Amino acid sequence: MTIARPIDRRLFLLLDRARHKLFKRANVRLQSAIGISAAQGSALFFLGRHRDCLLSDLAEGLALNNSAITGLAARMEKAGLITRARCQTDGRAWRVSLTEIGEEKREQVTKHLRQFNTEISDGFSGEEMDIVYRFLARIAEVETITP
């Protein structure tokens, strides 16, 4: 006899679906309110905390590969959100900085993401959210998976 479960317990599937839906909702919100994508918003948020970082650091912080970060940076530079300059100590590397427009958009992104976080955590206690944060942080920190 099987036990009916009211909650889907396929963790990986649920995480993937939740990530997809959250990113899609954030993308729609940021596009309509600020005129930037969620990926650009994530980059602006990261650059607000890691000023004048290397492009490779931005890629690592956003979990993007080289081609994805290069394309994202090019679009952001074209939109006037960032500047890229050769690193003075390593001619192969690039430093990324927020422009004035990028800084203004970063502040708007922060405001919208705070509201978004409040909405998606509505109905959960502080203790429950602490468990969610701890769980997600642990998953985000795992470097390798054994085959």
Protein backbone atom coordinates (compact mmCIF):
# COMPACT_ATOMS: atom_id res chain seq x y z
CA MET A 1 0.00 0.00 0.00
CA THR A 2 1.35 3.43 -0.92
CA ILE A 3 0.97 6.50 1.19
CA ALA A 4 -0.45 9.54 -0.54
CA ARG A 5 1.75 12.56 0.04
CA PRO A 6 0.17 15.99 -0.21
CA ILE A 7 3.52 17.60 -1.06
CA ASP A 8 5.71 16.67 -4.02
CA ARG A 9 8.97 15.42 -2.48
CA ARG A 10 11.10 15.22 -5.62
CA LEU A 11 13.60 17.72 -4.30
CA PHE A 12 15.76 18.23 -7.38
CA LEU A 13 12.71 18.68 -9.62
CA LEU A 14 11.11 21.11 -7.19
CA LEU A 15 14.29 23.16 -6.88
CA ASP A 16 14.66 23.31 -10.66
CA ARG A 17 11.03 24.32 -11.21
CA ALA A 18 11.17 26.88 -8.40
CA ARG A 19 14.39 28.41 -9.77
CA HIS A 20 12.89 28.61 -13.24
CA LYS A 21 9.65 30.23 -12.07
CA LEU A 22 11.38 32.66 -9.72
CA PHE A 23 13.85 33.74 -12.40
CA LYS A 24 11.05 34.16 -14.93
CA ARG A 25 8.97 36.25 -12.50
CA ALA A 26 11.99 38.36 -11.54
CA ASN A 27 12.83 38.84 -15.22
CA VAL A 28 9.32 40.06 -16.07
CA ARG A 29 9.28 42.38 -13.06
CA LEU A 30 12.71 43.90 -13.69
CA GLN A 31 12.11 44.25 -17.44
CA SER A 32 8.82 46.09 -16.93
CA ALA A 33 9.89 48.22 -13.97
CA ILE A 34 13.53 49.00 -14.76
CA GLY A 35 14.16 47.86 -18.33
CA ILE A 36 16.82 45.26 -17.54
CA SER A 37 16.92 41.48 -17.42
CA ALA A 38 17.19 39.43 -14.25
CA ALA A 39 20.68 38.35 -15.32
CA GLN A 40 21.71 41.99 -15.63
CA GLY A 41 20.08 42.71 -12.28
CA SER A 42 22.06 39.89 -10.66
CA ALA A 43 25.26 41.27 -12.16
CA LEU A 44 24.50 44.79 -10.91
CA PHE A 45 23.76 43.44 -7.45
CA PHE A 46 27.05 41.48 -7.43
CA LEU A 47 29.03 44.49 -8.69
CA GLY A 48 27.53 46.64 -5.95
CA ARG A 49 29.19 44.34 -3.41
CA HIS A 50 32.37 43.63 -5.40
CA ARG A 51 33.44 46.96 -6.87
CA ASP A 52 35.83 46.95 -9.82
CA CYS A 53 36.11 43.16 -9.79
CA LEU A 54 37.59 40.98 -12.47
CA LEU A 55 35.22 39.73 -15.13
CA SER A 56 36.17 36.18 -14.09
CA ASP A 57 35.07 36.97 -10.51
CA LEU A 58 31.73 38.20 -11.82
CA ALA A 59 31.37 34.98 -13.84
CA GLU A 60 32.09 32.88 -10.77
CA GLY A 61 29.76 34.93 -8.60
CA LEU A 62 26.91 34.45 -11.08
CA ALA A 63 27.84 30.83 -11.91
CA LEU A 64 28.25 31.64 -15.62
CA ASN A 65 30.76 30.26 -18.10
CA ASN A 66 33.15 32.44 -20.11
CA SER A 67 30.97 32.83 -23.20
CA ALA A 68 27.87 33.67 -21.14
CA ILE A 69 29.65 36.30 -19.03
CA THR A 70 31.29 37.83 -22.10
CA GLY A 71 27.89 38.22 -23.80
CA LEU A 72 26.25 39.56 -20.65
CA ALA A 73 29.04 42.08 -20.09
CA ALA A 74 28.89 43.22 -23.72
CA ARG A 75 25.13 43.82 -23.48
CA MET A 76 25.52 45.65 -20.18
CA GLU A 77 28.34 47.80 -21.53
CA LYS A 78 26.27 48.66 -24.62
CA ALA A 79 23.37 49.64 -22.32
CA GLY A 80 25.70 51.95 -20.37
CA LEU A 81 25.44 49.93 -17.14
CA ILE A 82 29.12 48.97 -16.81
CA THR A 83 32.54 49.74 -18.15
CA ARG A 84 35.21 47.16 -18.87
CA ALA A 85 38.92 47.95 -18.71
CA ARG A 86 42.03 45.83 -19.07
CA CYS A 87 43.49 44.77 -15.75
CA GLN A 88 46.77 46.61 -15.15
CA THR A 89 48.45 43.57 -13.57
CA ASP A 90 47.19 40.98 -16.08
CA GLY A 91 46.70 42.10 -19.67
CA ARG A 92 44.45 39.11 -20.40
CA ALA A 93 41.95 39.98 -17.68
CA TRP A 94 39.23 42.63 -17.57
CA ARG A 95 37.98 44.73 -14.65
CA VAL A 96 34.28 45.57 -14.53
CA SER A 97 32.87 48.72 -12.95
CA LEU A 98 29.41 50.18 -12.54
CA THR A 99 28.63 53.39 -14.39
CA GLU A 100 26.43 56.07 -12.87
CA ILE A 101 23.46 54.58 -14.74
CA GLY A 102 24.45 51.11 -13.54
CA GLU A 103 24.57 52.33 -9.95
CA GLU A 104 21.09 53.88 -10.26
CA LYS A 105 19.72 50.66 -11.76
CA ARG A 106 21.46 48.62 -9.01
CA GLU A 107 19.61 50.61 -6.36
CA GLN A 108 16.32 49.97 -8.16
CA VAL A 109 17.12 46.25 -8.49
CA THR A 110 17.86 46.06 -4.77
CA LYS A 111 14.50 47.66 -3.96
CA HIS A 112 12.59 45.30 -6.26
CA LEU A 113 14.40 42.20 -5.02
CA ARG A 114 13.67 43.13 -1.40
CA GLN A 115 9.99 43.34 -2.29
CA PHE A 116 10.22 40.09 -4.22
CA ASN A 117 11.91 38.31 -1.28
CA THR A 118 9.16 39.56 1.04
CA GLU A 119 6.48 38.26 -1.31
CA ILE A 120 7.97 34.79 -1.75
CA SER A 121 8.64 34.34 1.96
CA ASP A 122 5.14 35.46 2.97
CA GLY A 123 3.43 32.91 5.18
CA PHE A 124 6.65 31.45 6.61
CA SER A 125 7.95 32.18 10.08
CA GLY A 126 11.42 33.56 10.70
CA GLU A 127 12.53 30.15 11.97
CA GLU A 128 11.23 28.44 8.84
CA MET A 129 13.02 30.94 6.62
CA ASP A 130 16.26 30.40 8.56
CA ILE A 131 16.03 26.72 7.61
CA VAL A 132 15.36 27.62 3.96
CA TYR A 133 18.35 29.99 3.91
CA ARG A 134 20.61 27.41 5.54
CA PHE A 135 19.45 24.70 3.12
CA LEU A 136 19.92 26.82 0.00
CA ALA A 137 23.30 28.16 1.18
CA ARG A 138 24.50 24.61 1.75
CA ILE A 139 23.46 23.56 -1.74
CA ALA A 140 25.09 26.66 -3.24
CA GLU A 141 28.37 25.90 -1.45
CA VAL A 142 28.70 22.28 -2.63
CA GLU A 143 31.56 22.21 -5.14
CA THR A 144 31.45 18.70 -6.54
CA ILE A 145 29.04 15.85 -6.77
CA THR A 146 30.46 12.31 -6.70
CA PRO A 147 29.38 10.20 -9.67
